[in-house]
N, C-alpha and C. Protein backbone atom coordinates (compact mmCIF):
# COMPACT_ATOMS: atom_id res chain seq x y z
N UNK A 1 0.85 -1.17 0.00
CA UNK A 1 0.00 0.00 0.00
C UNK A 1 0.89 1.24 0.00
N UNK A 2 0.65 2.12 -0.95
CA UNK A 2 1.39 3.38 -1.02
C UNK A 2 0.97 4.27 0.14
N UNK A 3 1.94 4.84 0.83
CA UNK A 3 1.68 5.73 1.97
C UNK A 3 1.76 7.18 1.50
N UNK A 4 0.86 8.04 1.98
CA UNK A 4 0.94 9.47 1.66
C UNK A 4 2.26 10.01 2.20
N UNK A 5 3.04 10.63 1.35
CA UNK A 5 4.35 11.16 1.72
C UNK A 5 4.21 12.64 2.07
N UNK A 6 4.58 13.01 3.28
CA UNK A 6 4.51 14.41 3.71
C UNK A 6 5.89 14.98 4.01
N UNK A 7 6.95 14.26 3.63
CA UNK A 7 8.31 14.73 3.91
C UNK A 7 8.61 16.08 3.27
N UNK A 8 8.11 16.30 2.07
CA UNK A 8 8.35 17.57 1.37
C UNK A 8 7.07 18.36 1.19
N UNK A 9 6.16 18.27 2.16
CA UNK A 9 4.87 18.94 2.08
C UNK A 9 3.79 17.97 1.62
N UNK A 10 2.60 18.49 1.38
CA UNK A 10 1.49 17.67 0.90
C UNK A 10 0.76 18.41 -0.20
N UNK A 11 0.55 17.72 -1.31
CA UNK A 11 -0.25 18.25 -2.40
C UNK A 11 -1.31 17.20 -2.74
N UNK A 12 -2.58 17.58 -2.62
CA UNK A 12 -3.64 16.62 -2.92
C UNK A 12 -3.62 16.23 -4.40
N UNK A 13 -3.01 17.05 -5.23
CA UNK A 13 -2.95 16.77 -6.66
C UNK A 13 -2.08 15.55 -6.95
N UNK A 14 -1.10 15.27 -6.10
CA UNK A 14 -0.26 14.09 -6.27
C UNK A 14 -1.08 12.80 -6.11
N UNK A 15 -2.18 12.87 -5.35
CA UNK A 15 -2.97 11.69 -5.02
C UNK A 15 -4.40 11.80 -5.56
N UNK A 16 -4.64 12.68 -6.52
CA UNK A 16 -6.01 12.96 -6.98
C UNK A 16 -6.75 11.74 -7.50
N UNK A 17 -6.05 10.75 -8.02
CA UNK A 17 -6.71 9.54 -8.52
C UNK A 17 -7.18 8.64 -7.38
N UNK A 18 -6.64 8.85 -6.19
CA UNK A 18 -6.96 7.99 -5.05
C UNK A 18 -7.78 8.69 -3.97
N UNK A 19 -8.02 10.00 -4.13
CA UNK A 19 -8.79 10.78 -3.18
C UNK A 19 -9.90 11.53 -3.91
N UNK A 20 -11.06 11.61 -3.29
CA UNK A 20 -12.16 12.38 -3.86
C UNK A 20 -12.38 13.62 -3.00
N UNK A 21 -12.36 14.78 -3.61
CA UNK A 21 -12.59 16.03 -2.90
C UNK A 21 -14.07 16.14 -2.54
N UNK A 22 -14.37 16.25 -1.25
CA UNK A 22 -15.74 16.38 -0.77
C UNK A 22 -16.10 17.83 -0.46
N UNK A 23 -15.13 18.58 0.05
CA UNK A 23 -15.39 19.96 0.45
C UNK A 23 -14.11 20.77 0.34
N UNK A 24 -14.23 21.99 -0.16
CA UNK A 24 -13.07 22.86 -0.31
C UNK A 24 -13.50 24.30 -0.11
N UNK A 25 -12.97 24.96 0.93
CA UNK A 25 -13.30 26.37 1.13
C UNK A 25 -12.08 27.26 0.94
N UNK A 26 -11.09 26.75 0.23
CA UNK A 26 -9.89 27.53 -0.05
C UNK A 26 -8.71 27.16 0.82
N UNK A 27 -8.87 27.28 2.14
CA UNK A 27 -7.79 26.96 3.07
C UNK A 27 -7.99 25.62 3.77
N UNK A 28 -9.17 25.04 3.62
CA UNK A 28 -9.50 23.78 4.29
C UNK A 28 -10.18 22.86 3.29
N UNK A 29 -9.76 21.59 3.30
CA UNK A 29 -10.33 20.60 2.39
C UNK A 29 -10.65 19.31 3.14
N UNK A 30 -11.71 18.63 2.70
CA UNK A 30 -12.04 17.30 3.19
C UNK A 30 -12.04 16.38 1.99
N UNK A 31 -11.28 15.29 2.11
CA UNK A 31 -11.15 14.34 1.01
C UNK A 31 -11.54 12.94 1.49
N UNK A 32 -12.09 12.16 0.58
CA UNK A 32 -12.48 10.79 0.87
C UNK A 32 -11.47 9.85 0.23
N UNK A 33 -11.06 8.84 0.98
CA UNK A 33 -10.14 7.83 0.49
C UNK A 33 -10.86 6.92 -0.49
N UNK A 34 -10.33 6.75 -1.70
CA UNK A 34 -11.00 5.97 -2.74
C UNK A 34 -10.23 4.74 -3.17
N UNK A 35 -8.97 4.61 -2.83
CA UNK A 35 -8.15 3.53 -3.37
C UNK A 35 -7.09 3.13 -2.35
N UNK A 36 -6.19 2.29 -2.77
CA UNK A 36 -5.16 1.71 -1.92
C UNK A 36 -4.10 2.75 -1.54
N UNK A 37 -4.36 3.48 -0.46
CA UNK A 37 -3.49 4.56 -0.02
C UNK A 37 -3.38 4.50 1.49
N UNK A 38 -2.17 4.61 2.01
CA UNK A 38 -1.95 4.51 3.45
C UNK A 38 -1.82 5.86 4.13
N UNK A 39 -2.22 5.89 5.39
CA UNK A 39 -2.11 7.07 6.25
C UNK A 39 -0.64 7.49 6.35
N UNK A 40 -0.35 8.80 6.31
CA UNK A 40 1.03 9.25 6.43
C UNK A 40 1.63 8.99 7.81
N UNK A 41 0.79 8.83 8.83
CA UNK A 41 1.28 8.62 10.19
C UNK A 41 1.51 7.15 10.52
N UNK A 42 0.48 6.32 10.28
CA UNK A 42 0.56 4.92 10.69
C UNK A 42 0.66 3.93 9.54
N UNK A 43 0.39 4.38 8.31
CA UNK A 43 0.49 3.51 7.14
C UNK A 43 -0.75 2.68 6.86
N UNK A 44 -1.75 2.73 7.74
CA UNK A 44 -2.97 1.94 7.56
C UNK A 44 -3.96 2.64 6.64
N UNK A 45 -4.91 1.89 6.12
CA UNK A 45 -5.99 2.47 5.31
C UNK A 45 -6.78 3.45 6.16
N UNK A 46 -7.43 4.41 5.52
CA UNK A 46 -8.20 5.43 6.24
C UNK A 46 -9.45 5.77 5.47
N UNK A 47 -10.37 6.50 6.13
CA UNK A 47 -11.64 6.90 5.51
C UNK A 47 -11.59 8.30 4.93
N UNK A 48 -11.27 9.27 5.77
CA UNK A 48 -11.31 10.68 5.37
C UNK A 48 -10.00 11.37 5.73
N UNK A 49 -9.73 12.43 4.98
CA UNK A 49 -8.54 13.24 5.20
C UNK A 49 -8.98 14.70 5.26
N UNK A 50 -8.70 15.35 6.37
CA UNK A 50 -8.98 16.77 6.57
C UNK A 50 -7.64 17.49 6.46
N UNK A 51 -7.56 18.50 5.58
CA UNK A 51 -6.33 19.25 5.37
C UNK A 51 -6.62 20.72 5.57
N UNK A 52 -5.81 21.38 6.40
CA UNK A 52 -5.99 22.82 6.59
C UNK A 52 -4.65 23.53 6.54
N UNK A 53 -4.68 24.76 6.04
CA UNK A 53 -3.51 25.61 6.02
C UNK A 53 -3.52 26.59 7.20
N UNK A 54 -4.61 26.58 7.98
CA UNK A 54 -4.70 27.42 9.17
C UNK A 54 -3.76 26.87 10.25
N UNK A 55 -3.22 27.74 11.05
CA UNK A 55 -2.33 27.31 12.13
C UNK A 55 -3.10 26.68 13.27
N UNK A 56 -4.38 27.06 13.42
CA UNK A 56 -5.24 26.47 14.45
C UNK A 56 -6.58 26.13 13.82
N UNK A 57 -7.28 25.19 14.40
CA UNK A 57 -8.62 24.85 13.94
C UNK A 57 -9.39 24.22 15.09
N UNK A 58 -10.71 24.29 15.03
CA UNK A 58 -11.58 23.70 16.05
C UNK A 58 -12.63 22.84 15.36
N UNK A 59 -13.13 21.86 16.09
CA UNK A 59 -14.18 20.99 15.58
C UNK A 59 -15.35 21.05 16.54
N UNK A 60 -16.58 21.09 16.00
CA UNK A 60 -17.77 21.08 16.84
C UNK A 60 -17.87 19.79 17.63
N UNK A 61 -17.55 18.68 16.98
CA UNK A 61 -17.54 17.38 17.65
C UNK A 61 -16.26 16.67 17.26
N UNK A 62 -15.68 15.92 18.18
CA UNK A 62 -14.46 15.19 17.83
C UNK A 62 -14.80 14.02 16.90
N UNK A 63 -13.82 13.55 16.14
CA UNK A 63 -14.07 12.37 15.31
C UNK A 63 -14.55 11.21 16.19
N UNK A 64 -15.50 10.44 15.68
CA UNK A 64 -16.05 9.33 16.46
C UNK A 64 -15.34 8.02 16.14
N UNK A 65 -14.11 8.12 15.68
CA UNK A 65 -13.31 6.94 15.34
C UNK A 65 -11.84 7.28 15.56
N UNK A 66 -10.96 6.29 15.52
CA UNK A 66 -9.54 6.59 15.68
C UNK A 66 -9.06 7.56 14.60
N UNK A 67 -8.07 8.40 14.96
CA UNK A 67 -7.52 9.34 13.99
C UNK A 67 -6.03 9.52 14.21
N UNK A 68 -5.36 9.98 13.16
CA UNK A 68 -3.93 10.31 13.20
C UNK A 68 -3.77 11.76 12.77
N UNK A 69 -2.64 12.35 13.14
CA UNK A 69 -2.29 13.71 12.71
C UNK A 69 -0.95 13.67 12.00
N UNK A 70 -0.80 14.51 10.99
CA UNK A 70 0.48 14.69 10.31
C UNK A 70 0.63 16.18 10.05
N UNK A 71 1.85 16.68 10.11
CA UNK A 71 2.10 18.10 9.95
C UNK A 71 3.19 18.31 8.93
N UNK A 72 2.97 19.24 8.02
CA UNK A 72 4.02 19.71 7.12
C UNK A 72 4.34 21.14 7.54
N UNK A 73 5.24 21.79 6.83
CA UNK A 73 5.55 23.18 7.16
C UNK A 73 4.34 24.09 6.97
N UNK A 74 3.46 23.74 6.01
CA UNK A 74 2.34 24.62 5.68
C UNK A 74 0.96 24.06 6.00
N UNK A 75 0.86 22.76 6.28
CA UNK A 75 -0.46 22.15 6.43
C UNK A 75 -0.52 21.22 7.63
N UNK A 76 -1.74 21.10 8.16
CA UNK A 76 -2.04 20.11 9.19
C UNK A 76 -3.03 19.12 8.57
N UNK A 77 -2.76 17.83 8.73
CA UNK A 77 -3.62 16.78 8.20
C UNK A 77 -4.20 15.98 9.36
N UNK A 78 -5.50 15.79 9.36
CA UNK A 78 -6.18 14.93 10.32
C UNK A 78 -6.78 13.79 9.50
N UNK A 79 -6.41 12.57 9.85
CA UNK A 79 -6.80 11.40 9.09
C UNK A 79 -7.68 10.53 9.99
N UNK A 80 -8.91 10.24 9.55
CA UNK A 80 -9.79 9.38 10.35
C UNK A 80 -9.77 7.98 9.78
N UNK A 81 -9.79 7.01 10.69
CA UNK A 81 -9.76 5.59 10.31
C UNK A 81 -11.09 4.93 10.54
């Protein structure tokens, strides 16, 4: 399983064939996992990927499943399993 590589940043365009964009408001995106792609943190399959360029973010409710975090210089990724 190919793992999302965040060593040199993250570009959703590198993985566009394996991720479906569900929501995009410019600085924040939610993507759905569509194919054989591993979490950048643990390497396991995942359901959704939340990507933000904001330095801070809040959620109304916490994810109701296990999640991982990954950080690049410009983005924070929250991955739900």
